[in-house]
Amino acid sequence: MTIETEKEPEVKWERWQKKRVFVREVAGKYGELYQELLAQPRVYKSKAKPFKGGPTKFGKNVINPQAAAITQSVESHLDVLAPGSYGQRHGHMNSAVFYILEGKGYDVHDGARYDWAAGDACIVEDACVHQHFNADPKRPARILIMKAKPLFLFFNLMFQKNVSYPPSEPMPGFENFQPTD
C-alpha cells in the first residue's frame, strides 16, 4: 500500500512567504547595549550572500534587521533583472531609493514612466504601485535598493502587496541566465 503525501509547492520568492523579524527587541543595560553596538561589524560582504529567485529577477539581502544587529530602521538589497525582463508589480507604504549600478531601463510608478541608466538614482514615493523594467535586451540591470521599511513596519504602516509577479519563464535566449557578483 502506498501513502501519497502532499508536496509543498516550490517557493522561489521565500522572502515574501516566510516569517521574518522586522524589528528586534533591544533590551538590557544601556552601557552593555552601547558596547555591543560598537562591537558590530561596519562592513558586510555582499558576495557572501547568495542570489535568490529567478529566472528573470534575482535578489539578495545585504543589510536588514535580520542580518545586521547594527541596523534597526533601514534595509538594503541588490536586485538583478535579466536582459529584457522585469520585476513584480507591487506597492508598499514606505518610499525607496534605487541606485542603478549597471544597465538601463525604466520604472512605471502609478502609470507614469521614468527612464533610468547606470549612475542614476530613482525614488519611489510612499504608497506607489510600481514596477522595474530592464530595457536592454542583451545585458542585465543591477540595482541597489535602500529603504526605511523596518521603521514603517514598526509604526504598523504594513500595507504591501504584489499585483503581479516576475515572469516564471526565462526570457528567450537567456534560459541559463544567472547573476554574478
N, C-alpha and C. Protein backbone atom coordinates (compact mmCIF):
# COMPACT_ATOMS: atom_id res chain seq x y z
N MET A 1 0.84 -1.18 0.00
CA MET A 1 0.00 0.00 0.00
C MET A 1 0.88 1.24 0.00
N THR A 2 0.62 2.17 -0.87
CA THR A 2 1.39 3.41 -0.96
C THR A 2 0.56 4.55 -0.39
N ILE A 3 1.18 5.33 0.48
CA ILE A 3 0.53 6.50 1.03
C ILE A 3 1.11 7.72 0.33
N GLU A 4 0.24 8.46 -0.33
CA GLU A 4 0.70 9.66 -1.02
C GLU A 4 0.68 10.83 -0.07
N THR A 5 1.75 11.58 -0.09
CA THR A 5 1.81 12.79 0.73
C THR A 5 1.76 13.99 -0.18
N GLU A 6 1.16 15.02 0.31
CA GLU A 6 1.06 16.25 -0.47
C GLU A 6 2.39 16.98 -0.41
N LYS A 7 2.93 17.33 -1.57
CA LYS A 7 4.20 18.06 -1.62
C LYS A 7 3.96 19.54 -1.46
N GLU A 8 4.88 20.18 -0.75
CA GLU A 8 4.84 21.64 -0.64
C GLU A 8 5.25 22.23 -1.98
N PRO A 9 4.56 23.25 -2.46
CA PRO A 9 4.97 23.88 -3.73
C PRO A 9 6.32 24.57 -3.56
N GLU A 10 7.10 24.57 -4.64
CA GLU A 10 8.40 25.26 -4.61
C GLU A 10 8.17 26.75 -4.47
N VAL A 11 8.92 27.36 -3.58
CA VAL A 11 8.79 28.79 -3.34
C VAL A 11 10.05 29.48 -3.84
N LYS A 12 9.95 30.22 -4.92
CA LYS A 12 11.11 30.94 -5.44
C LYS A 12 11.38 32.21 -4.66
N TRP A 13 10.34 32.85 -4.19
CA TRP A 13 10.46 34.13 -3.52
C TRP A 13 10.18 33.96 -2.05
N GLU A 14 11.07 33.24 -1.36
CA GLU A 14 10.83 32.91 0.05
C GLU A 14 10.68 34.13 0.93
N ARG A 15 11.32 35.24 0.59
CA ARG A 15 11.20 36.43 1.45
C ARG A 15 9.77 36.94 1.51
N TRP A 16 8.95 36.60 0.52
CA TRP A 16 7.55 37.03 0.55
C TRP A 16 6.68 36.01 1.26
N GLN A 17 7.23 34.83 1.57
CA GLN A 17 6.44 33.74 2.11
C GLN A 17 6.78 33.38 3.55
N LYS A 18 8.02 33.62 3.97
CA LYS A 18 8.45 33.12 5.28
C LYS A 18 8.28 34.16 6.38
N LYS A 19 8.24 33.66 7.61
CA LYS A 19 8.18 34.54 8.77
C LYS A 19 9.53 35.24 8.90
N ARG A 20 9.49 36.57 9.13
CA ARG A 20 10.73 37.35 9.25
C ARG A 20 10.66 38.25 10.48
N VAL A 21 11.83 38.66 10.93
CA VAL A 21 11.93 39.63 12.02
C VAL A 21 12.12 40.99 11.37
N PHE A 22 11.20 41.92 11.65
CA PHE A 22 11.31 43.25 11.07
C PHE A 22 11.87 44.26 12.06
N VAL A 23 11.59 44.06 13.34
CA VAL A 23 12.12 44.93 14.38
C VAL A 23 12.53 44.03 15.54
N ARG A 24 13.79 44.08 15.91
CA ARG A 24 14.31 43.26 17.00
C ARG A 24 14.07 43.92 18.34
N GLU A 25 14.00 43.10 19.37
CA GLU A 25 13.95 43.64 20.72
C GLU A 25 15.30 44.24 21.06
N VAL A 26 15.29 45.38 21.70
CA VAL A 26 16.51 45.99 22.22
C VAL A 26 16.28 46.11 23.71
N ALA A 27 16.87 45.18 24.46
CA ALA A 27 16.64 45.13 25.90
C ALA A 27 17.97 44.90 26.61
N GLY A 28 18.14 45.52 27.73
CA GLY A 28 19.36 45.34 28.51
C GLY A 28 19.79 46.65 29.13
N LYS A 29 20.95 46.60 29.70
CA LYS A 29 21.51 47.81 30.31
C LYS A 29 22.12 48.68 29.23
N TYR A 30 21.88 49.98 29.32
CA TYR A 30 22.32 50.90 28.29
C TYR A 30 23.80 50.74 27.96
N GLY A 31 24.65 50.74 28.96
CA GLY A 31 26.09 50.65 28.71
C GLY A 31 26.48 49.38 27.99
N GLU A 32 25.84 48.26 28.34
CA GLU A 32 26.14 46.99 27.67
C GLU A 32 25.64 47.00 26.23
N LEU A 33 24.44 47.53 26.03
CA LEU A 33 23.91 47.62 24.67
C LEU A 33 24.78 48.51 23.78
N TYR A 34 25.24 49.60 24.36
CA TYR A 34 26.10 50.52 23.62
C TYR A 34 27.41 49.83 23.22
N GLN A 35 28.00 49.09 24.13
CA GLN A 35 29.25 48.37 23.82
C GLN A 35 29.02 47.31 22.75
N GLU A 36 27.88 46.61 22.82
CA GLU A 36 27.55 45.61 21.79
C GLU A 36 27.40 46.29 20.43
N LEU A 37 26.79 47.45 20.41
CA LEU A 37 26.63 48.19 19.16
C LEU A 37 27.99 48.59 18.59
N LEU A 38 28.88 49.07 19.43
CA LEU A 38 30.21 49.46 18.97
C LEU A 38 31.00 48.27 18.44
N ALA A 39 30.70 47.06 18.93
CA ALA A 39 31.43 45.87 18.51
C ALA A 39 30.92 45.28 17.20
N GLN A 40 29.82 45.77 16.69
CA GLN A 40 29.24 45.22 15.45
C GLN A 40 30.11 45.57 14.24
N PRO A 41 30.15 44.67 13.25
CA PRO A 41 30.92 44.98 12.04
C PRO A 41 30.32 46.18 11.30
N ARG A 42 31.16 46.89 10.60
CA ARG A 42 30.72 48.03 9.80
C ARG A 42 30.77 47.73 8.31
N VAL A 43 31.34 46.60 7.94
CA VAL A 43 31.41 46.18 6.54
C VAL A 43 30.78 44.79 6.44
N TYR A 44 29.86 44.66 5.51
CA TYR A 44 29.20 43.38 5.26
C TYR A 44 29.50 42.98 3.82
N LYS A 45 29.99 41.79 3.62
CA LYS A 45 30.40 41.30 2.30
C LYS A 45 29.19 40.76 1.55
N SER A 46 28.73 41.50 0.56
CA SER A 46 27.55 41.06 -0.18
C SER A 46 27.83 39.80 -0.99
N LYS A 47 29.07 39.57 -1.36
CA LYS A 47 29.40 38.35 -2.12
C LYS A 47 29.18 37.10 -1.29
N ALA A 48 29.16 37.23 0.02
CA ALA A 48 28.93 36.08 0.89
C ALA A 48 27.45 35.68 0.91
N LYS A 49 26.59 36.52 0.40
CA LYS A 49 25.15 36.25 0.38
C LYS A 49 24.76 35.73 -1.00
N PRO A 50 23.96 34.68 -1.05
CA PRO A 50 23.56 34.14 -2.36
C PRO A 50 22.43 34.94 -2.99
N PHE A 51 22.38 34.94 -4.31
CA PHE A 51 21.23 35.46 -5.02
C PHE A 51 20.11 34.43 -4.90
N LYS A 52 18.88 34.90 -4.78
CA LYS A 52 17.72 34.02 -4.76
C LYS A 52 16.74 34.50 -5.80
N GLY A 53 15.81 33.63 -6.17
CA GLY A 53 14.79 33.99 -7.14
C GLY A 53 15.07 33.41 -8.50
N GLY A 54 14.69 34.13 -9.53
CA GLY A 54 14.89 33.71 -10.90
C GLY A 54 13.57 33.26 -11.51
N PRO A 55 13.49 33.03 -12.78
CA PRO A 55 14.59 33.06 -13.73
C PRO A 55 14.85 34.43 -14.36
N THR A 56 14.00 35.44 -14.04
CA THR A 56 14.19 36.75 -14.67
C THR A 56 14.56 37.85 -13.68
N LYS A 57 14.25 37.65 -12.41
CA LYS A 57 14.58 38.63 -11.36
C LYS A 57 15.23 37.88 -10.21
N PHE A 58 16.39 38.38 -9.81
CA PHE A 58 17.14 37.78 -8.72
C PHE A 58 17.39 38.85 -7.66
N GLY A 59 17.49 38.44 -6.43
CA GLY A 59 17.76 39.40 -5.37
C GLY A 59 18.59 38.80 -4.26
N LYS A 60 19.26 39.68 -3.53
CA LYS A 60 19.98 39.25 -2.33
C LYS A 60 19.87 40.36 -1.29
N ASN A 61 19.56 39.95 -0.07
CA ASN A 61 19.50 40.90 1.04
C ASN A 61 20.92 41.19 1.48
N VAL A 62 21.22 42.45 1.71
CA VAL A 62 22.56 42.85 2.14
C VAL A 62 22.51 43.30 3.60
N ILE A 63 21.76 44.33 3.89
CA ILE A 63 21.64 44.86 5.25
C ILE A 63 20.16 44.92 5.62
N ASN A 64 19.81 44.33 6.75
CA ASN A 64 18.45 44.40 7.27
C ASN A 64 18.48 43.98 8.74
N PRO A 65 17.41 44.20 9.48
CA PRO A 65 17.43 43.85 10.91
C PRO A 65 17.68 42.38 11.20
N GLN A 66 17.34 41.49 10.26
CA GLN A 66 17.58 40.07 10.48
C GLN A 66 19.07 39.72 10.42
N ALA A 67 19.81 40.42 9.60
CA ALA A 67 21.19 40.04 9.31
C ALA A 67 22.24 40.94 9.95
N ALA A 68 21.88 42.13 10.35
CA ALA A 68 22.86 43.08 10.86
C ALA A 68 22.33 43.73 12.13
N ALA A 69 22.90 43.38 13.24
CA ALA A 69 22.42 43.90 14.53
C ALA A 69 22.60 45.41 14.65
N ILE A 70 23.45 45.99 13.86
CA ILE A 70 23.71 47.43 13.97
C ILE A 70 22.59 48.27 13.39
N THR A 71 21.75 47.70 12.56
CA THR A 71 20.69 48.48 11.94
C THR A 71 19.33 47.98 12.40
N GLN A 72 18.45 48.91 12.62
CA GLN A 72 17.11 48.57 13.06
C GLN A 72 16.06 49.25 12.18
N SER A 73 16.44 50.31 11.50
CA SER A 73 15.42 51.10 10.80
C SER A 73 15.60 51.16 9.28
N VAL A 74 16.66 50.59 8.74
CA VAL A 74 16.86 50.61 7.29
C VAL A 74 17.19 49.21 6.79
N GLU A 75 16.97 49.04 5.51
CA GLU A 75 17.39 47.80 4.86
C GLU A 75 17.87 48.12 3.46
N SER A 76 18.70 47.24 2.93
CA SER A 76 19.13 47.38 1.54
C SER A 76 19.23 46.00 0.94
N HIS A 77 18.94 45.94 -0.34
CA HIS A 77 19.12 44.69 -1.06
C HIS A 77 19.51 44.99 -2.51
N LEU A 78 20.07 43.99 -3.14
CA LEU A 78 20.54 44.10 -4.51
C LEU A 78 19.63 43.28 -5.39
N ASP A 79 19.10 43.88 -6.45
CA ASP A 79 18.29 43.17 -7.43
C ASP A 79 19.02 43.14 -8.76
N VAL A 80 18.87 42.03 -9.47
CA VAL A 80 19.39 41.90 -10.83
C VAL A 80 18.23 41.46 -11.71
N LEU A 81 17.98 42.24 -12.76
CA LEU A 81 16.97 41.88 -13.75
C LEU A 81 17.69 41.32 -14.97
N ALA A 82 17.29 40.14 -15.40
CA ALA A 82 17.88 39.52 -16.58
C ALA A 82 17.63 40.42 -17.80
N PRO A 83 18.43 40.28 -18.84
CA PRO A 83 18.22 41.10 -20.04
C PRO A 83 16.78 41.04 -20.53
N GLY A 84 16.21 42.23 -20.78
CA GLY A 84 14.87 42.34 -21.32
C GLY A 84 13.74 41.94 -20.38
N SER A 85 14.03 41.74 -19.12
CA SER A 85 12.99 41.25 -18.20
C SER A 85 12.49 42.35 -17.27
N TYR A 86 11.70 41.96 -16.31
CA TYR A 86 11.12 42.92 -15.38
C TYR A 86 10.80 42.24 -14.05
N GLY A 87 10.60 43.07 -13.04
CA GLY A 87 10.26 42.58 -11.72
C GLY A 87 8.77 42.59 -11.47
N GLN A 88 8.40 42.28 -10.25
CA GLN A 88 6.99 42.24 -9.88
C GLN A 88 6.39 43.64 -9.85
N ARG A 89 5.13 43.73 -10.13
CA ARG A 89 4.39 44.99 -9.98
C ARG A 89 3.85 44.97 -8.56
N HIS A 90 4.20 45.98 -7.79
CA HIS A 90 3.87 45.95 -6.37
C HIS A 90 3.79 47.35 -5.79
N GLY A 91 3.32 47.42 -4.57
CA GLY A 91 3.27 48.68 -3.85
C GLY A 91 3.53 48.45 -2.38
N HIS A 92 4.02 49.46 -1.71
CA HIS A 92 4.26 49.41 -0.27
C HIS A 92 4.18 50.81 0.29
N MET A 93 3.96 50.89 1.59
CA MET A 93 3.80 52.18 2.26
C MET A 93 5.09 53.01 2.25
N ASN A 94 6.23 52.35 2.40
CA ASN A 94 7.50 53.07 2.50
C ASN A 94 8.02 53.53 1.15
N SER A 95 8.73 54.66 1.18
CA SER A 95 9.43 55.11 -0.02
C SER A 95 10.71 54.27 -0.16
N ALA A 96 11.36 54.40 -1.30
CA ALA A 96 12.60 53.66 -1.54
C ALA A 96 13.47 54.46 -2.50
N VAL A 97 14.77 54.27 -2.37
CA VAL A 97 15.73 54.87 -3.29
C VAL A 97 16.44 53.72 -3.99
N PHE A 98 16.47 53.78 -5.31
CA PHE A 98 17.14 52.77 -6.13
C PHE A 98 18.34 53.44 -6.79
N TYR A 99 19.51 52.88 -6.56
CA TYR A 99 20.70 53.38 -7.24
C TYR A 99 21.04 52.36 -8.32
N ILE A 100 21.09 52.82 -9.56
CA ILE A 100 21.33 51.92 -10.69
C ILE A 100 22.83 51.72 -10.84
N LEU A 101 23.29 50.52 -10.53
CA LEU A 101 24.71 50.20 -10.60
C LEU A 101 25.14 49.86 -12.03
N GLU A 102 24.24 49.22 -12.76
CA GLU A 102 24.59 48.74 -14.10
C GLU A 102 23.31 48.60 -14.91
N GLY A 103 23.37 48.94 -16.18
CA GLY A 103 22.25 48.71 -17.07
C GLY A 103 21.44 49.95 -17.37
N LYS A 104 20.36 49.74 -18.10
CA LYS A 104 19.43 50.81 -18.43
C LYS A 104 18.03 50.22 -18.47
N GLY A 105 17.07 51.04 -18.12
CA GLY A 105 15.70 50.55 -18.10
C GLY A 105 14.75 51.66 -17.72
N TYR A 106 13.66 51.28 -17.11
CA TYR A 106 12.68 52.27 -16.70
C TYR A 106 11.81 51.69 -15.60
N ASP A 107 11.17 52.57 -14.88
CA ASP A 107 10.19 52.21 -13.87
C ASP A 107 8.85 52.77 -14.32
N VAL A 108 7.77 52.14 -13.89
CA VAL A 108 6.43 52.69 -14.06
C VAL A 108 5.88 52.87 -12.65
N HIS A 109 5.59 54.13 -12.28
CA HIS A 109 5.07 54.50 -10.96
C HIS A 109 3.66 55.03 -11.15
N ASP A 110 2.67 54.31 -10.64
CA ASP A 110 1.27 54.73 -10.77
C ASP A 110 0.94 55.16 -12.19
N GLY A 111 1.45 54.41 -13.17
CA GLY A 111 1.14 54.67 -14.58
C GLY A 111 2.10 55.59 -15.30
N ALA A 112 3.00 56.27 -14.59
CA ALA A 112 3.95 57.19 -15.23
C ALA A 112 5.31 56.49 -15.42
N ARG A 113 5.89 56.65 -16.60
CA ARG A 113 7.17 56.01 -16.91
C ARG A 113 8.33 56.94 -16.57
N TYR A 114 9.39 56.36 -15.98
CA TYR A 114 10.62 57.09 -15.64
C TYR A 114 11.80 56.27 -16.14
N ASP A 115 12.55 56.79 -17.12
CA ASP A 115 13.72 56.11 -17.65
C ASP A 115 14.91 56.29 -16.72
N TRP A 116 15.77 55.27 -16.64
CA TRP A 116 16.98 55.34 -15.81
C TRP A 116 18.12 54.58 -16.49
N ALA A 117 19.35 54.91 -16.05
CA ALA A 117 20.55 54.24 -16.55
C ALA A 117 21.58 54.21 -15.42
N ALA A 118 22.63 53.44 -15.63
CA ALA A 118 23.69 53.31 -14.62
C ALA A 118 24.13 54.68 -14.13
N GLY A 119 24.24 54.83 -12.81
CA GLY A 119 24.63 56.09 -12.20
C GLY A 119 23.45 56.93 -11.74
N ASP A 120 22.24 56.59 -12.17
CA ASP A 120 21.05 57.33 -11.76
C ASP A 120 20.53 56.82 -10.43
N ALA A 121 19.81 57.67 -9.74
CA ALA A 121 19.05 57.27 -8.55
C ALA A 121 17.58 57.50 -8.86
N CYS A 122 16.76 56.57 -8.50
CA CYS A 122 15.33 56.63 -8.77
C CYS A 122 14.60 56.55 -7.43
N ILE A 123 13.64 57.41 -7.22
CA ILE A 123 12.91 57.43 -5.95
C ILE A 123 11.48 56.96 -6.19
N VAL A 124 11.06 56.00 -5.38
CA VAL A 124 9.67 55.55 -5.37
C VAL A 124 9.02 56.16 -4.14
N GLU A 125 7.96 56.94 -4.35
CA GLU A 125 7.31 57.62 -3.23
C GLU A 125 6.45 56.64 -2.43
N ASP A 126 6.06 57.06 -1.24
CA ASP A 126 5.21 56.27 -0.37
C ASP A 126 3.92 55.86 -1.08
N ALA A 127 3.51 54.61 -0.85
CA ALA A 127 2.21 54.09 -1.32
C ALA A 127 2.06 54.08 -2.84
N CYS A 128 3.13 54.00 -3.56
CA CYS A 128 3.12 54.00 -5.02
C CYS A 128 3.14 52.56 -5.54
N VAL A 129 2.28 52.24 -6.50
CA VAL A 129 2.34 50.96 -7.19
C VAL A 129 3.36 51.12 -8.31
N HIS A 130 4.36 50.26 -8.33
CA HIS A 130 5.46 50.44 -9.27
C HIS A 130 6.01 49.11 -9.76
N GLN A 131 6.82 49.20 -10.84
CA GLN A 131 7.44 48.03 -11.44
C GLN A 131 8.73 48.47 -12.12
N HIS A 132 9.74 47.61 -12.08
CA HIS A 132 11.05 47.91 -12.67
C HIS A 132 11.25 47.06 -13.93
N PHE A 133 11.76 47.69 -14.98
CA PHE A 133 11.95 47.02 -16.27
C PHE A 133 13.39 47.20 -16.75
N ASN A 134 14.01 46.12 -17.22
CA ASN A 134 15.32 46.20 -17.86
C ASN A 134 15.06 46.37 -19.35
N ALA A 135 15.44 47.53 -19.91
CA ALA A 135 15.19 47.82 -21.31
C ALA A 135 16.29 47.30 -22.23
N ASP A 136 17.36 46.75 -21.68
CA ASP A 136 18.47 46.26 -22.50
C ASP A 136 18.24 44.78 -22.82
N PRO A 137 18.10 44.44 -24.09
CA PRO A 137 17.85 43.04 -24.45
C PRO A 137 19.08 42.14 -24.37
N LYS A 138 20.26 42.71 -24.07
CA LYS A 138 21.49 41.91 -24.06
C LYS A 138 22.22 41.87 -22.73
N ARG A 139 21.96 42.85 -21.85
CA ARG A 139 22.73 42.92 -20.60
C ARG A 139 21.80 43.04 -19.39
N PRO A 140 22.23 42.52 -18.24
CA PRO A 140 21.41 42.64 -17.04
C PRO A 140 21.41 44.06 -16.48
N ALA A 141 20.44 44.35 -15.66
CA ALA A 141 20.39 45.59 -14.89
C ALA A 141 20.63 45.21 -13.43
N ARG A 142 21.50 45.96 -12.76
CA ARG A 142 21.84 45.70 -11.35
C ARG A 142 21.46 46.95 -10.56
N ILE A 143 20.63 46.74 -9.52
CA ILE A 143 20.03 47.86 -8.80
C ILE A 143 20.21 47.66 -7.29
N LEU A 144 20.71 48.69 -6.62
CA LEU A 144 20.81 48.69 -5.16
C LEU A 144 19.60 49.43 -4.60
N ILE A 145 18.82 48.76 -3.77
CA ILE A 145 17.61 49.34 -3.19
C ILE A 145 17.85 49.65 -1.73
N MET A 146 17.51 50.86 -1.30
CA MET A 146 17.67 51.28 0.09
C MET A 146 16.34 51.87 0.56
N LYS A 147 15.90 51.43 1.74
CA LYS A 147 14.63 51.94 2.24
C LYS A 147 14.53 51.81 3.75
N ALA A 148 13.62 52.58 4.31
CA ALA A 148 13.38 52.57 5.76
C ALA A 148 12.20 51.66 6.10
N LYS A 149 12.04 50.60 5.35
CA LYS A 149 10.90 49.70 5.53
C LYS A 149 10.74 49.21 6.97
N PRO A 150 11.80 48.79 7.66
CA PRO A 150 11.60 48.33 9.04
C PRO A 150 10.97 49.39 9.94
N LEU A 151 11.33 50.63 9.72
CA LEU A 151 10.76 51.72 10.52
C LEU A 151 9.26 51.88 10.24
N PHE A 152 8.88 51.80 8.97
CA PHE A 152 7.47 51.88 8.61
C PHE A 152 6.69 50.74 9.25
N LEU A 153 7.26 49.52 9.22
CA LEU A 153 6.58 48.37 9.80
C LEU A 153 6.43 48.52 11.31
N PHE A 154 7.43 49.11 11.95
CA PHE A 154 7.37 49.34 13.39
C PHE A 154 6.16 50.22 13.74
N PHE A 155 5.81 51.15 12.88
CA PHE A 155 4.67 52.03 13.11
C PHE A 155 3.37 51.48 12.51
N ASN A 156 3.37 50.18 12.22
CA ASN A 156 2.20 49.48 11.68
C ASN A 156 1.74 50.02 10.33
N LEU A 157 2.63 50.59 9.58
CA LEU A 157 2.33 51.01 8.20
C LEU A 157 2.71 49.85 7.29
N MET A 158 1.94 48.77 7.40
CA MET A 158 2.33 47.48 6.84
C MET A 158 1.83 47.18 5.45
N PHE A 159 0.92 47.98 4.93
CA PHE A 159 0.35 47.58 3.64
C PHE A 159 1.44 47.38 2.61
N GLN A 160 1.45 46.20 2.04
CA GLN A 160 2.37 45.86 0.95
C GLN A 160 1.69 44.78 0.14
N LYS A 161 1.72 44.90 -1.17
CA LYS A 161 1.05 43.90 -1.98
C LYS A 161 1.74 43.75 -3.33
N ASN A 162 1.87 42.49 -3.76
CA ASN A 162 2.30 42.21 -5.12
C ASN A 162 1.07 42.18 -6.00
N VAL A 163 1.07 42.97 -7.05
CA VAL A 163 -0.03 42.99 -8.01
C VAL A 163 0.18 41.90 -9.03
N SER A 164 1.43 41.74 -9.48
CA SER A 164 1.81 40.65 -10.38
C SER A 164 3.26 40.28 -10.10
N TYR A 165 3.58 39.02 -10.32
CA TYR A 165 4.93 38.52 -10.05
C TYR A 165 5.81 38.61 -11.29
N PRO A 166 7.13 38.51 -11.10
CA PRO A 166 8.01 38.47 -12.27
C PRO A 166 7.69 37.23 -13.11
N PRO A 167 8.12 37.20 -14.36
CA PRO A 167 7.85 36.03 -15.20
C PRO A 167 8.42 34.75 -14.58
N SER A 168 7.69 33.66 -14.73
CA SER A 168 8.17 32.37 -14.22
C SER A 168 8.97 31.62 -15.27
N GLU A 169 8.98 32.12 -16.49
CA GLU A 169 9.76 31.53 -17.57
C GLU A 169 10.87 32.51 -17.96
N PRO A 170 12.07 32.00 -18.28
CA PRO A 170 13.15 32.91 -18.68
C PRO A 170 12.86 33.60 -20.00
N MET A 171 13.54 34.72 -20.19
CA MET A 171 13.40 35.45 -21.45
C MET A 171 14.10 34.62 -22.55
N PRO A 172 13.56 34.58 -23.75
CA PRO A 172 14.18 33.80 -24.83
C PRO A 172 15.64 34.21 -25.02
N GLY A 173 16.49 33.21 -25.13
CA GLY A 173 17.92 33.44 -25.29
C GLY A 173 18.67 33.55 -23.98
N PHE A 174 17.95 33.61 -22.84
CA PHE A 174 18.58 33.72 -21.54
C PHE A 174 18.07 32.65 -20.58
N GLU A 175 17.86 31.46 -21.13
CA GLU A 175 17.34 30.35 -20.33
C GLU A 175 18.26 29.96 -19.19
N ASN A 176 19.54 30.21 -19.30
CA ASN A 176 20.50 29.84 -18.26
C ASN A 176 21.09 31.04 -17.55
N PHE A 177 20.43 32.18 -17.62
CA PHE A 177 20.97 33.40 -17.01
C PHE A 177 21.09 33.23 -15.50
N GLN A 178 22.23 33.61 -14.96
CA GLN A 178 22.48 33.67 -13.52
C GLN A 178 23.26 34.94 -13.24
N PRO A 179 22.88 35.70 -12.23
CA PRO A 179 23.64 36.92 -11.91
C PRO A 179 25.00 36.58 -11.34
N THR A 180 25.94 37.47 -11.53
CA THR A 180 27.27 37.30 -10.95
C THR A 180 27.55 38.47 -10.02
N ASP A 181 28.46 38.26 -9.09
CA ASP A 181 28.85 39.33 -8.16
C ASP A 181 29.85 40.27 -8.79
